[in-house]
Protein backbone atom coordinates (compact mmCIF):
# COMPACT_ATOMS: atom_id res chain seq x y z
CA MET A 1 10.88 12.58 -31.94
CA GLU A 2 9.20 10.71 -29.11
CA THR A 3 11.07 10.47 -25.83
CA THR A 4 11.38 7.02 -24.28
CA TRP A 5 11.43 8.28 -20.69
CA LYS A 6 8.13 10.19 -20.70
CA LYS A 7 5.67 7.32 -20.20
CA PRO A 8 7.76 5.53 -17.53
CA ALA A 9 8.23 8.83 -15.68
CA ILE A 10 4.50 9.57 -15.82
CA PHE A 11 3.77 6.00 -14.68
CA PHE A 12 6.05 6.08 -11.63
CA VAL A 13 5.11 9.59 -10.53
CA THR A 14 1.42 8.70 -10.86
CA LEU A 15 1.99 5.40 -9.04
CA ALA A 16 3.64 7.16 -6.10
CA VAL A 17 1.13 10.02 -5.90
CA THR A 18 -1.88 7.72 -6.26
CA ALA A 19 -0.53 5.23 -3.72
CA PHE A 20 0.16 8.03 -1.24
CA PHE A 21 -3.30 9.58 -1.44
CA ILE A 22 -5.21 6.29 -1.44
CA ASN A 23 -3.20 5.03 1.53
CA PHE A 24 -3.57 8.31 3.41
CA CYS A 25 -7.35 7.92 3.14
CA TRP A 26 -7.21 4.21 4.04
CA GLU A 27 -4.90 4.82 7.02
CA SER A 28 -7.01 7.72 8.29
CA LEU A 29 -10.20 5.67 8.17
CA HIS A 30 -9.02 2.34 9.51
CA GLY A 31 -6.73 4.07 12.01
CA LEU A 32 -9.84 4.60 14.10
CA LEU A 33 -9.88 0.84 14.72
CA TYR A 34 -6.66 1.01 16.76
CA LYS A 35 -6.76 1.55 20.52
CA ALA A 36 -4.83 4.82 20.84
CA HIS A 37 -5.88 6.58 17.63
CA PRO A 38 -9.43 7.82 18.35
CA GLY A 39 -8.23 9.94 21.29
CA MET A 40 -5.31 11.56 19.45
CA SER A 41 -5.30 15.24 18.60
CA ALA A 42 -5.18 16.18 14.91
CA SER A 43 -1.70 17.65 15.42
CA VAL A 44 -0.46 14.15 16.32
CA TYR A 45 -2.80 12.01 14.20
CA VAL A 46 -2.38 13.73 10.81
CA PRO A 47 1.45 13.67 10.76
CA MET A 48 1.35 10.02 11.82
CA MET A 49 -1.07 9.21 8.97
CA LEU A 50 1.16 11.11 6.51
CA LEU A 51 4.15 9.06 7.63
CA MET A 52 2.20 5.79 7.40
CA ALA A 53 0.96 6.71 3.90
CA ALA A 54 4.56 7.46 2.84
CA MET A 55 5.71 4.09 4.21
CA ASP A 56 2.85 2.34 2.39
CA THR A 57 3.84 4.13 -0.82
CA LEU A 58 7.39 2.82 -0.50
CA GLY A 59 5.99 -0.64 0.19
CA ILE A 60 3.85 -0.52 -2.95
CA ILE A 61 6.81 0.56 -5.06
CA GLY A 62 8.73 -2.36 -3.55
CA LEU A 63 5.89 -4.77 -4.36
CA TYR A 64 5.72 -3.41 -7.90
CA SER A 65 9.48 -3.93 -8.27
CA PHE A 66 9.29 -7.45 -6.84
CA THR A 67 6.51 -8.33 -9.28
CA ALA A 68 8.58 -6.85 -12.12
CA LEU A 69 11.47 -9.08 -11.08
CA VAL A 70 9.24 -12.16 -11.06
CA ALA A 71 7.61 -11.16 -14.37
CA ARG A 72 11.06 -10.36 -15.83
CA ARG A 73 9.54 -7.21 -17.22
CA TRP A 74 9.80 -3.73 -15.75
CA PHE A 75 6.40 -2.66 -17.11
CA TRP A 76 4.31 -5.72 -16.47
CA THR A 77 0.63 -6.01 -17.36
CA LEU A 78 -2.19 -6.51 -14.88
CA GLY A 79 -2.84 -10.06 -16.00
CA LEU A 80 -3.84 -12.86 -13.64
CA PHE A 81 -0.33 -14.11 -12.84
CA ASN A 82 1.20 -10.67 -12.21
CA SER A 83 -1.79 -9.42 -10.24
CA LEU A 84 -1.79 -12.58 -8.14
CA CYS A 85 1.96 -12.26 -7.54
CA PHE A 86 1.52 -8.62 -6.45
CA PHE A 87 -1.51 -9.44 -4.29
CA LEU A 88 0.05 -12.42 -2.51
CA SER A 89 3.37 -10.66 -1.89
CA GLY A 90 1.46 -7.67 -0.49
CA PHE A 91 -0.57 -10.01 1.72
CA VAL A 92 2.57 -11.71 3.06
CA ALA A 93 4.37 -8.38 3.61
CA ALA A 94 1.37 -6.89 5.41
CA TYR A 95 0.98 -9.99 7.59
CA ALA A 96 4.65 -9.87 8.56
CA VAL A 97 4.54 -6.15 9.43
CA GLU A 98 1.33 -6.51 11.45
CA TYR A 99 2.44 -9.67 13.27
CA ILE A 100 5.86 -8.27 14.20
CA SER A 101 4.43 -4.88 15.19
CA ILE A 102 1.71 -6.35 17.39
CA TYR A 103 3.19 -9.47 18.95
CA MET A 104 6.92 -8.82 19.00
CA LEU A 105 7.47 -5.05 19.11
CA HIS A 106 4.13 -4.12 20.71
CA THR A 107 4.07 -0.98 18.53
CA TRP A 108 0.28 -0.79 18.37
CA GLN A 109 -2.89 -2.54 19.52
CA TYR A 110 -6.20 -3.08 17.82
CA GLY A 111 -9.40 -1.71 19.25
CA PRO A 112 -12.34 -4.08 19.85
CA SER A 113 -13.98 -3.14 16.54
CA MET A 114 -11.04 -4.30 14.36
CA PRO A 115 -11.97 -7.55 12.56
CA ILE A 116 -9.20 -10.14 12.98
CA LEU A 117 -8.01 -12.71 10.42
CA PHE A 118 -5.07 -15.06 11.07
CA GLY A 119 -4.34 -13.14 14.29
CA VAL A 120 -3.97 -9.72 12.63
CA GLY A 121 -6.32 -6.95 11.56
CA LEU A 122 -8.36 -7.63 8.44
CA PHE A 123 -8.07 -4.11 6.98
CA PRO A 124 -4.29 -3.74 7.35
CA LEU A 125 -3.86 -7.29 6.05
CA PHE A 126 -5.38 -6.44 2.67
CA GLN A 127 -4.32 -2.79 2.49
CA LEU A 128 -1.09 -2.97 0.47
CA SER A 129 -2.49 -5.52 -1.98
CA LEU A 130 -5.70 -3.66 -2.72
CA THR A 131 -4.43 -0.09 -2.66
CA GLY A 132 -1.34 -1.16 -4.58
CA LEU A 133 -3.22 -2.86 -7.40
CA LEU A 134 -5.58 0.13 -7.64
CA SER A 135 -2.58 2.47 -7.79
CA VAL A 136 -0.91 0.39 -10.53
CA PHE A 137 -4.16 0.38 -12.51
CA VAL A 138 -4.56 4.18 -12.25
CA ALA A 139 -0.87 4.81 -13.06
CA ARG A 140 -1.05 2.55 -16.10
CA LYS A 141 -4.16 4.39 -17.42
CA VAL A 142 -2.62 7.83 -16.86
CA ALA A 143 0.69 6.84 -18.50
CA GLU A 144 -1.12 5.39 -21.53
CA GLU A 145 -3.05 8.65 -22.02
CA GLY A 146 -0.02 10.86 -21.37
């Protein structure tokens, strides 16, 4: 008797774990392009990167859920429409977070080496979309094999 919850459980656990680790690496690398980050001690920098990776993971799960709502299917495929929906919603969400954080809340500032697009950092602008789609792809492959 095959259980109906096994593949979805494997998918969502893999999605969360993959998103967390990919975003921890991304955050740690592009974090050096912010003004205050290069001078931070590891005891401050690493916990901050862990928190940011956790927030990104929640964001990716939210983007996945939004795309599922649009696709009217909880386990949507990585076709052109769904991938584009995920990518564009991630782009818009990232732009909103960056814009509000920089220009309204003054939470952080970019260093001079951060490339800028539409008034916000290029790497954070594409982060959720790219790391999210990669995480969905990996989770789908793992769930299919499991």
